Structure formats: C-alpha cells, structure tokens
N, C-alpha and C. Protein backbone atom coordinates (compact mmCIF):
# COMPACT_ATOMS: atom_id res chain seq x y z
N UNK A 1 0.84 -1.18 0.00
CA UNK A 1 0.00 0.00 0.00
C UNK A 1 0.89 1.24 0.00
N UNK A 2 0.58 2.19 -0.84
CA UNK A 2 1.38 3.41 -0.95
C UNK A 2 1.03 4.37 0.18
N UNK A 3 2.06 5.07 0.65
CA UNK A 3 1.84 6.11 1.66
C UNK A 3 1.33 7.36 1.00
N UNK A 4 0.68 8.19 1.77
CA UNK A 4 0.25 9.50 1.27
C UNK A 4 1.36 10.50 1.53
N UNK A 5 1.45 11.49 0.66
CA UNK A 5 2.44 12.55 0.81
C UNK A 5 1.72 13.89 0.73
N UNK A 6 1.99 14.75 1.69
CA UNK A 6 1.44 16.09 1.69
C UNK A 6 2.59 17.03 2.03
N UNK A 7 3.26 17.52 1.02
CA UNK A 7 4.42 18.37 1.22
C UNK A 7 4.43 19.47 0.17
N UNK A 8 4.75 20.68 0.60
CA UNK A 8 4.81 21.81 -0.32
C UNK A 8 6.04 22.64 0.01
N UNK A 9 6.68 23.18 -1.03
CA UNK A 9 7.82 24.08 -0.87
C UNK A 9 7.55 25.30 -1.74
N UNK A 10 7.56 26.47 -1.13
CA UNK A 10 7.28 27.72 -1.84
C UNK A 10 8.34 28.75 -1.51
N UNK A 11 8.70 29.57 -2.50
CA UNK A 11 9.61 30.68 -2.26
C UNK A 11 8.93 31.94 -2.77
N UNK A 12 8.87 32.94 -1.91
CA UNK A 12 8.22 34.18 -2.31
C UNK A 12 8.49 35.28 -1.30
N UNK A 13 7.68 36.34 -1.39
CA UNK A 13 7.81 37.49 -0.50
C UNK A 13 6.56 37.65 0.34
N UNK A 14 6.75 38.07 1.60
CA UNK A 14 5.61 38.33 2.46
C UNK A 14 4.80 39.50 1.91
N UNK A 15 3.49 39.34 1.87
CA UNK A 15 2.62 40.39 1.36
C UNK A 15 2.18 41.34 2.47
N UNK A 16 2.40 40.95 3.71
CA UNK A 16 2.04 41.77 4.86
C UNK A 16 2.88 41.34 6.05
N UNK A 17 2.90 42.16 7.08
CA UNK A 17 3.60 41.78 8.30
C UNK A 17 2.89 40.59 8.95
N UNK A 18 3.62 39.68 9.59
CA UNK A 18 2.98 38.54 10.25
C UNK A 18 2.10 39.00 11.41
N UNK A 19 1.05 38.24 11.67
CA UNK A 19 0.16 38.50 12.79
C UNK A 19 0.26 37.33 13.75
N UNK A 20 0.24 37.64 15.05
CA UNK A 20 0.39 36.60 16.07
C UNK A 20 -0.90 36.46 16.87
N UNK A 21 -1.24 35.22 17.20
CA UNK A 21 -2.35 34.95 18.11
C UNK A 21 -1.99 33.74 18.96
N UNK A 22 -2.77 33.51 19.99
CA UNK A 22 -2.51 32.42 20.91
C UNK A 22 -3.77 31.56 21.02
N UNK A 23 -3.60 30.24 21.00
CA UNK A 23 -4.74 29.34 21.13
C UNK A 23 -5.20 29.31 22.58
N UNK A 24 -6.34 28.69 22.81
CA UNK A 24 -6.87 28.58 24.18
C UNK A 24 -5.97 27.72 25.07
N UNK A 25 -5.13 26.88 24.44
CA UNK A 25 -4.20 26.05 25.21
C UNK A 25 -2.85 26.73 25.40
N UNK A 26 -2.70 27.96 24.89
CA UNK A 26 -1.48 28.72 25.10
C UNK A 26 -0.42 28.59 24.02
N UNK A 27 -0.76 27.96 22.90
CA UNK A 27 0.22 27.82 21.81
C UNK A 27 0.21 29.07 20.94
N UNK A 28 1.42 29.48 20.51
CA UNK A 28 1.58 30.67 19.68
C UNK A 28 1.46 30.29 18.21
N UNK A 29 0.73 31.12 17.46
CA UNK A 29 0.59 30.92 16.02
C UNK A 29 0.90 32.24 15.33
N UNK A 30 1.75 32.18 14.31
CA UNK A 30 2.01 33.34 13.47
C UNK A 30 1.39 33.08 12.10
N UNK A 31 0.63 34.05 11.60
CA UNK A 31 -0.01 33.94 10.29
C UNK A 31 0.57 34.99 9.37
N UNK A 32 0.86 34.59 8.14
CA UNK A 32 1.32 35.54 7.14
C UNK A 32 0.96 35.00 5.76
N UNK A 33 1.13 35.81 4.75
CA UNK A 33 0.88 35.34 3.40
C UNK A 33 2.08 35.70 2.53
N UNK A 34 2.29 34.87 1.50
CA UNK A 34 3.40 35.13 0.59
C UNK A 34 2.88 35.16 -0.84
N UNK A 35 3.56 35.95 -1.66
CA UNK A 35 3.30 36.02 -3.09
C UNK A 35 4.42 35.28 -3.80
N UNK A 36 4.04 34.37 -4.68
CA UNK A 36 5.00 33.58 -5.44
C UNK A 36 4.82 33.94 -6.91
N UNK A 37 5.87 34.51 -7.52
CA UNK A 37 5.80 34.89 -8.93
C UNK A 37 5.60 33.66 -9.80
N UNK A 38 4.80 33.81 -10.84
CA UNK A 38 4.57 32.71 -11.77
C UNK A 38 5.72 32.56 -12.75
N UNK A 39 6.49 33.63 -12.97
CA UNK A 39 7.69 33.53 -13.79
C UNK A 39 7.44 33.46 -15.28
N UNK A 40 6.40 34.07 -15.76
CA UNK A 40 6.14 34.08 -17.19
C UNK A 40 6.30 35.47 -17.75
N UNK A 41 5.69 35.70 -18.88
CA UNK A 41 5.74 37.01 -19.52
C UNK A 41 5.01 38.06 -18.69
N UNK A 42 3.91 37.68 -18.07
CA UNK A 42 3.15 38.63 -17.27
C UNK A 42 3.74 38.74 -15.86
N UNK A 43 3.32 39.74 -15.14
CA UNK A 43 3.83 39.97 -13.79
C UNK A 43 2.87 39.42 -12.74
N UNK A 44 2.19 38.33 -13.02
CA UNK A 44 1.22 37.80 -12.08
C UNK A 44 1.90 36.92 -11.03
N UNK A 45 1.18 36.73 -9.93
CA UNK A 45 1.69 35.93 -8.83
C UNK A 45 0.55 35.14 -8.21
N UNK A 46 0.90 34.10 -7.48
CA UNK A 46 -0.06 33.34 -6.69
C UNK A 46 0.17 33.70 -5.23
N UNK A 47 -0.92 33.74 -4.46
CA UNK A 47 -0.85 34.15 -3.06
C UNK A 47 -1.26 32.99 -2.16
N UNK A 48 -0.48 32.77 -1.09
CA UNK A 48 -0.72 31.65 -0.20
C UNK A 48 -0.71 32.12 1.25
N UNK A 49 -1.68 31.62 2.03
CA UNK A 49 -1.71 31.88 3.47
C UNK A 49 -0.87 30.82 4.16
N UNK A 50 -0.08 31.25 5.15
CA UNK A 50 0.83 30.35 5.86
C UNK A 50 0.64 30.54 7.36
N UNK A 51 0.68 29.44 8.11
CA UNK A 51 0.70 29.52 9.58
C UNK A 51 1.95 28.80 10.07
N UNK A 52 2.56 29.39 11.09
CA UNK A 52 3.74 28.78 11.73
C UNK A 52 3.44 28.71 13.22
N UNK A 53 3.65 27.56 13.81
CA UNK A 53 3.27 27.31 15.20
C UNK A 53 4.47 27.41 16.14
N UNK A 54 4.18 27.78 17.36
CA UNK A 54 5.07 27.80 18.52
C UNK A 54 6.41 28.47 18.23
N UNK A 55 7.54 27.79 18.42
CA UNK A 55 8.86 28.42 18.29
C UNK A 55 9.08 28.98 16.88
N UNK A 56 8.68 28.25 15.86
CA UNK A 56 8.82 28.72 14.49
C UNK A 56 8.00 30.00 14.29
N UNK A 57 6.81 30.04 14.84
CA UNK A 57 5.98 31.23 14.76
C UNK A 57 6.60 32.42 15.48
N UNK A 58 7.24 32.17 16.62
CA UNK A 58 7.92 33.24 17.35
C UNK A 58 9.08 33.81 16.54
N UNK A 59 9.84 32.94 15.87
CA UNK A 59 10.94 33.40 15.02
C UNK A 59 10.43 34.22 13.83
N UNK A 60 9.34 33.78 13.25
CA UNK A 60 8.73 34.52 12.14
C UNK A 60 8.34 35.91 12.62
N UNK A 61 7.70 36.00 13.77
CA UNK A 61 7.28 37.30 14.30
C UNK A 61 8.48 38.20 14.58
N UNK A 62 9.57 37.61 15.05
CA UNK A 62 10.75 38.39 15.43
C UNK A 62 11.53 38.91 14.22
N UNK A 63 11.63 38.12 13.16
CA UNK A 63 12.56 38.45 12.08
C UNK A 63 11.93 38.82 10.74
N UNK A 64 10.67 38.54 10.53
CA UNK A 64 10.10 38.77 9.21
C UNK A 64 9.14 39.94 9.18
N UNK A 65 9.05 40.57 8.02
CA UNK A 65 8.12 41.66 7.79
C UNK A 65 7.74 41.71 6.32
N UNK A 66 6.81 42.57 6.00
CA UNK A 66 6.33 42.71 4.63
C UNK A 66 7.50 42.93 3.67
N UNK A 67 7.48 42.19 2.55
CA UNK A 67 8.50 42.33 1.52
C UNK A 67 9.69 41.40 1.68
N UNK A 68 9.86 40.76 2.83
CA UNK A 68 11.00 39.87 3.03
C UNK A 68 10.82 38.59 2.24
N UNK A 69 11.92 38.06 1.69
CA UNK A 69 11.90 36.82 0.92
C UNK A 69 12.05 35.63 1.87
N UNK A 70 11.25 34.58 1.62
CA UNK A 70 11.29 33.38 2.45
C UNK A 70 11.12 32.13 1.59
N UNK A 71 11.65 31.04 2.12
CA UNK A 71 11.40 29.71 1.57
C UNK A 71 10.59 28.98 2.63
N UNK A 72 9.38 28.58 2.28
CA UNK A 72 8.49 27.92 3.23
C UNK A 72 8.35 26.46 2.84
N UNK A 73 8.56 25.59 3.82
CA UNK A 73 8.32 24.16 3.62
C UNK A 73 7.23 23.76 4.60
N UNK A 74 6.29 22.95 4.16
CA UNK A 74 5.22 22.55 5.05
C UNK A 74 4.26 21.61 4.37
N UNK A 75 3.04 21.61 4.89
CA UNK A 75 2.00 20.74 4.35
C UNK A 75 0.74 21.57 4.12
N UNK A 76 -0.10 21.11 3.20
CA UNK A 76 -1.35 21.78 2.90
C UNK A 76 -2.42 21.32 3.88
N UNK A 77 -3.27 22.28 4.27
CA UNK A 77 -4.40 21.96 5.16
C UNK A 77 -5.63 22.66 4.62
N UNK A 78 -6.72 21.93 4.50
CA UNK A 78 -7.96 22.52 4.00
C UNK A 78 -8.95 22.65 5.13
N UNK A 79 -9.52 23.86 5.27
CA UNK A 79 -10.57 24.12 6.25
C UNK A 79 -11.89 24.33 5.52
N UNK A 80 -12.98 23.84 6.10
CA UNK A 80 -14.32 24.05 5.57
C UNK A 80 -15.22 24.54 6.68
N UNK A 81 -16.15 25.47 6.35
CA UNK A 81 -17.07 25.99 7.35
C UNK A 81 -18.28 26.56 6.64
N UNK A 82 -19.34 26.82 7.42
CA UNK A 82 -20.53 27.47 6.91
C UNK A 82 -20.42 28.96 7.22
N UNK A 83 -20.61 29.78 6.19
CA UNK A 83 -20.57 31.23 6.36
C UNK A 83 -21.77 31.65 7.21
N UNK A 84 -21.54 32.37 8.30
CA UNK A 84 -22.61 32.77 9.20
C UNK A 84 -23.58 33.75 8.55
N UNK A 85 -23.08 34.61 7.66
CA UNK A 85 -23.93 35.62 7.02
C UNK A 85 -24.77 35.04 5.89
N UNK A 86 -24.16 34.23 5.03
CA UNK A 86 -24.88 33.73 3.85
C UNK A 86 -25.36 32.29 4.02
N UNK A 87 -24.79 31.55 4.96
CA UNK A 87 -25.15 30.15 5.14
C UNK A 87 -24.52 29.22 4.13
N UNK A 88 -23.69 29.75 3.24
CA UNK A 88 -23.04 28.94 2.21
C UNK A 88 -21.81 28.24 2.77
N UNK A 89 -21.50 27.09 2.14
CA UNK A 89 -20.27 26.37 2.49
C UNK A 89 -19.07 27.16 2.00
N UNK A 90 -18.07 27.34 2.83
CA UNK A 90 -16.83 28.03 2.46
C UNK A 90 -15.67 27.08 2.73
N UNK A 91 -14.56 27.28 2.02
CA UNK A 91 -13.37 26.49 2.28
C UNK A 91 -12.14 27.28 1.84
N UNK A 92 -11.02 26.90 2.38
CA UNK A 92 -9.75 27.50 1.98
C UNK A 92 -8.64 26.51 2.25
N UNK A 93 -7.55 26.68 1.51
CA UNK A 93 -6.37 25.84 1.68
C UNK A 93 -5.25 26.75 2.18
N UNK A 94 -4.56 26.32 3.23
CA UNK A 94 -3.43 27.09 3.73
C UNK A 94 -2.26 26.15 3.98
N UNK A 95 -1.09 26.75 4.11
CA UNK A 95 0.12 25.98 4.37
C UNK A 95 0.42 26.04 5.86
N UNK A 96 0.62 24.88 6.47
CA UNK A 96 1.13 24.82 7.84
C UNK A 96 2.63 24.60 7.72
N UNK A 97 3.40 25.62 8.09
CA UNK A 97 4.85 25.58 7.89
C UNK A 97 5.52 24.63 8.87
N UNK A 98 6.46 23.85 8.35
CA UNK A 98 7.32 23.03 9.19
C UNK A 98 8.72 23.64 9.26
N UNK A 99 9.05 24.49 8.26
CA UNK A 99 10.34 25.18 8.25
C UNK A 99 10.20 26.46 7.42
N UNK A 100 10.78 27.54 7.91
CA UNK A 100 10.79 28.81 7.19
C UNK A 100 12.24 29.27 7.13
N UNK A 101 12.76 29.43 5.93
CA UNK A 101 14.13 29.90 5.74
C UNK A 101 14.08 31.37 5.33
N UNK A 102 14.77 32.21 6.10
CA UNK A 102 14.82 33.65 5.82
C UNK A 102 15.87 33.87 4.74
N UNK A 103 15.47 34.36 3.58
CA UNK A 103 16.38 34.50 2.45
C UNK A 103 17.04 35.86 2.37
N UNK A 104 16.46 36.87 2.98
CA UNK A 104 17.04 38.20 3.00
C UNK A 104 17.94 38.34 4.21
N UNK A 105 18.95 39.20 4.10
CA UNK A 105 19.80 39.50 5.23
C UNK A 105 19.06 40.35 6.24
N UNK A 106 19.59 40.46 7.46
CA UNK A 106 18.91 41.20 8.52
C UNK A 106 18.78 42.70 8.23
N UNK A 107 19.65 43.27 7.38
CA UNK A 107 19.60 44.69 7.09
C UNK A 107 18.89 44.98 5.79
N UNK A 108 18.16 44.01 5.28
CA UNK A 108 17.50 44.18 3.99
C UNK A 108 16.33 45.12 4.11
N UNK A 109 16.09 45.88 3.04
CA UNK A 109 14.94 46.77 3.02
C UNK A 109 13.72 46.12 2.39
N UNK A 110 13.84 44.84 1.98
CA UNK A 110 12.72 44.12 1.40
C UNK A 110 12.49 44.44 -0.06
N UNK A 111 13.37 45.21 -0.67
CA UNK A 111 13.21 45.59 -2.07
C UNK A 111 13.61 44.47 -3.00
N UNK A 112 13.41 44.69 -4.27
CA UNK A 112 13.71 43.69 -5.29
C UNK A 112 15.08 43.88 -5.91
N UNK A 113 15.97 44.56 -5.23
CA UNK A 113 17.26 44.88 -5.84
C UNK A 113 18.15 43.67 -6.01
N UNK A 114 17.89 42.61 -5.27
CA UNK A 114 18.72 41.42 -5.36
C UNK A 114 19.99 41.54 -4.55
N UNK A 115 20.22 42.70 -3.92
CA UNK A 115 21.43 42.89 -3.12
C UNK A 115 21.22 42.50 -1.67
N UNK A 116 20.06 41.95 -1.33
CA UNK A 116 19.75 41.72 0.07
C UNK A 116 20.31 40.42 0.61
N UNK A 117 20.70 39.51 -0.24
CA UNK A 117 21.25 38.24 0.23
C UNK A 117 22.64 38.47 0.79
N UNK A 118 23.01 37.73 1.82
CA UNK A 118 24.35 37.89 2.37
C UNK A 118 25.39 37.64 1.30
N UNK A 119 26.39 38.47 1.29
CA UNK A 119 27.46 38.33 0.29
C UNK A 119 28.67 37.67 0.91
N UNK A 120 29.39 36.96 0.08
CA UNK A 120 30.68 36.46 0.52
C UNK A 120 31.72 37.29 -0.20
N UNK A 121 32.60 37.89 0.56
CA UNK A 121 33.59 38.78 -0.04
C UNK A 121 34.98 38.20 0.17
N UNK A 122 35.97 39.07 0.24
CA UNK A 122 37.35 38.62 0.36
C UNK A 122 37.63 37.93 1.69
N UNK A 123 36.69 37.96 2.63
CA UNK A 123 36.89 37.27 3.90
C UNK A 123 36.80 35.76 3.74
N UNK A 124 36.26 35.32 2.62
CA UNK A 124 36.11 33.89 2.38
C UNK A 124 37.48 33.27 2.13
N UNK A 125 37.69 32.08 2.70
CA UNK A 125 38.98 31.42 2.51
C UNK A 125 39.10 30.95 1.07
N UNK A 126 40.33 30.87 0.59
CA UNK A 126 40.57 30.45 -0.78
C UNK A 126 40.33 28.96 -0.92
N UNK A 127 39.93 28.54 -2.11
CA UNK A 127 39.68 27.13 -2.38
C UNK A 127 40.98 26.34 -2.29
N UNK A 128 40.86 25.14 -1.76
CA UNK A 128 42.02 24.26 -1.65
C UNK A 128 42.01 23.32 -2.85
N UNK A 129 43.12 23.21 -3.50
CA UNK A 129 43.25 22.32 -4.65
C UNK A 129 44.05 21.10 -4.21
N UNK A 130 43.44 19.93 -4.40
CA UNK A 130 44.12 18.69 -4.06
C UNK A 130 44.72 18.13 -5.33
N UNK A 131 46.04 17.95 -5.31
CA UNK A 131 46.71 17.50 -6.52
C UNK A 131 47.03 16.02 -6.51
N UNK A 132 47.20 15.43 -5.32
CA UNK A 132 47.59 14.03 -5.25
C UNK A 132 46.37 13.18 -4.92
N UNK A 133 45.75 12.61 -5.95
CA UNK A 133 44.58 11.77 -5.75
C UNK A 133 44.91 10.38 -6.28
N UNK A 134 44.69 9.38 -5.41
CA UNK A 134 44.94 8.01 -5.88
C UNK A 134 43.61 7.33 -6.17
N UNK A 135 43.67 6.12 -6.67
CA UNK A 135 42.47 5.40 -7.05
C UNK A 135 42.05 4.35 -6.03
N UNK A 136 42.52 4.49 -4.78
CA UNK A 136 42.14 3.53 -3.75
C UNK A 136 40.67 3.71 -3.40
N UNK A 137 39.99 2.61 -3.06
CA UNK A 137 38.59 2.75 -2.65
C UNK A 137 38.49 3.50 -1.32
N UNK A 138 37.37 4.16 -1.11
CA UNK A 138 37.15 4.93 0.12
C UNK A 138 36.69 3.97 1.22
N UNK A 139 37.32 4.10 2.40
CA UNK A 139 36.95 3.32 3.57
C UNK A 139 35.82 4.07 4.26
N UNK A 140 34.59 3.54 4.21
CA UNK A 140 33.42 4.23 4.77
C UNK A 140 33.51 4.38 6.28
N UNK A 141 34.31 3.60 6.96
CA UNK A 141 34.44 3.73 8.41
C UNK A 141 35.21 5.00 8.80
N UNK A 142 35.90 5.62 7.85
CA UNK A 142 36.65 6.84 8.13
C UNK A 142 35.81 8.10 7.98
N UNK A 143 34.60 7.98 7.44
CA UNK A 143 33.72 9.13 7.28
C UNK A 143 33.08 9.44 8.63
N UNK A 144 33.14 10.68 9.10
CA UNK A 144 32.69 11.01 10.46
C UNK A 144 31.18 11.11 10.62
N UNK A 145 30.39 10.91 9.60
CA UNK A 145 28.94 11.01 9.77
C UNK A 145 28.22 9.86 9.17
C-alpha cells in the first residue's frame, strides 16, 4: 500500500507583516501570506496563506516583515465551514509551515534589488586544490557522519 504525501515548498515574499495569536491552550501561532511569482511574460503571482506554530511562529514574528523573501516548507491543510452571514459552504487551503528559511539578510529593506542576500567577499577562505589523488577505494568507516 502506498503512503500518502502532503508536502509543499514555496519561495516568495511576504505580502504583509505577520500577525500573532494564541490558542486557548497557550500555543503561539504566526499567520502571514506570501506572493510567489509565476515567472512568465506577465507579472502575475499566486498568493498563499501560511501559519507557523510555537517556536517557528515566534521566530517569524521576530525576524520577518512585509517584503522579506522566504522559503516555506510545510503541508497543505484545507478548512471548511458554513458562512454565518450567507449560510453557504466556504473552504480555503493554507500551508502549515514546518520550516521557514529567511532569504534576505537582517539589514534588507525588502526591495527587489537582489542585493539583500548575504554576500561572501574577500573574507572567504581560498579554495584548496588537491593535486595528489589516488584510485584507492574509500573506507566508509573513516567518514565522520
């Protein structure tokens, strides 16, 4: 029997500052939305709602704001409910984040200049060139991981 897979990876920019709330059991939730460019001739994008729970949500609240670039990994969750005003069935799909990678540097202005990613400059060590390579097989017991 095949297992089910529910995994999504998105890279985009926050469309608004994250909002924080707390559940009745005391868990912290951060909610935000991201715009993901479609990458075609037009300038259209898709918009996704994201929730991050507890420690991840606290980090999102502390470090992210509107315009910041992020890579979100998580799973899709669908909610359904009856609209109180119209009585119609409503539903939405949102991402529950399992990991959020901050792609902009801490001093980024959130702009599209492309200069916001951390740079590696002359402080980086020079590449090491190994000249003496033999054809002996690798002993896997010598690998530290």
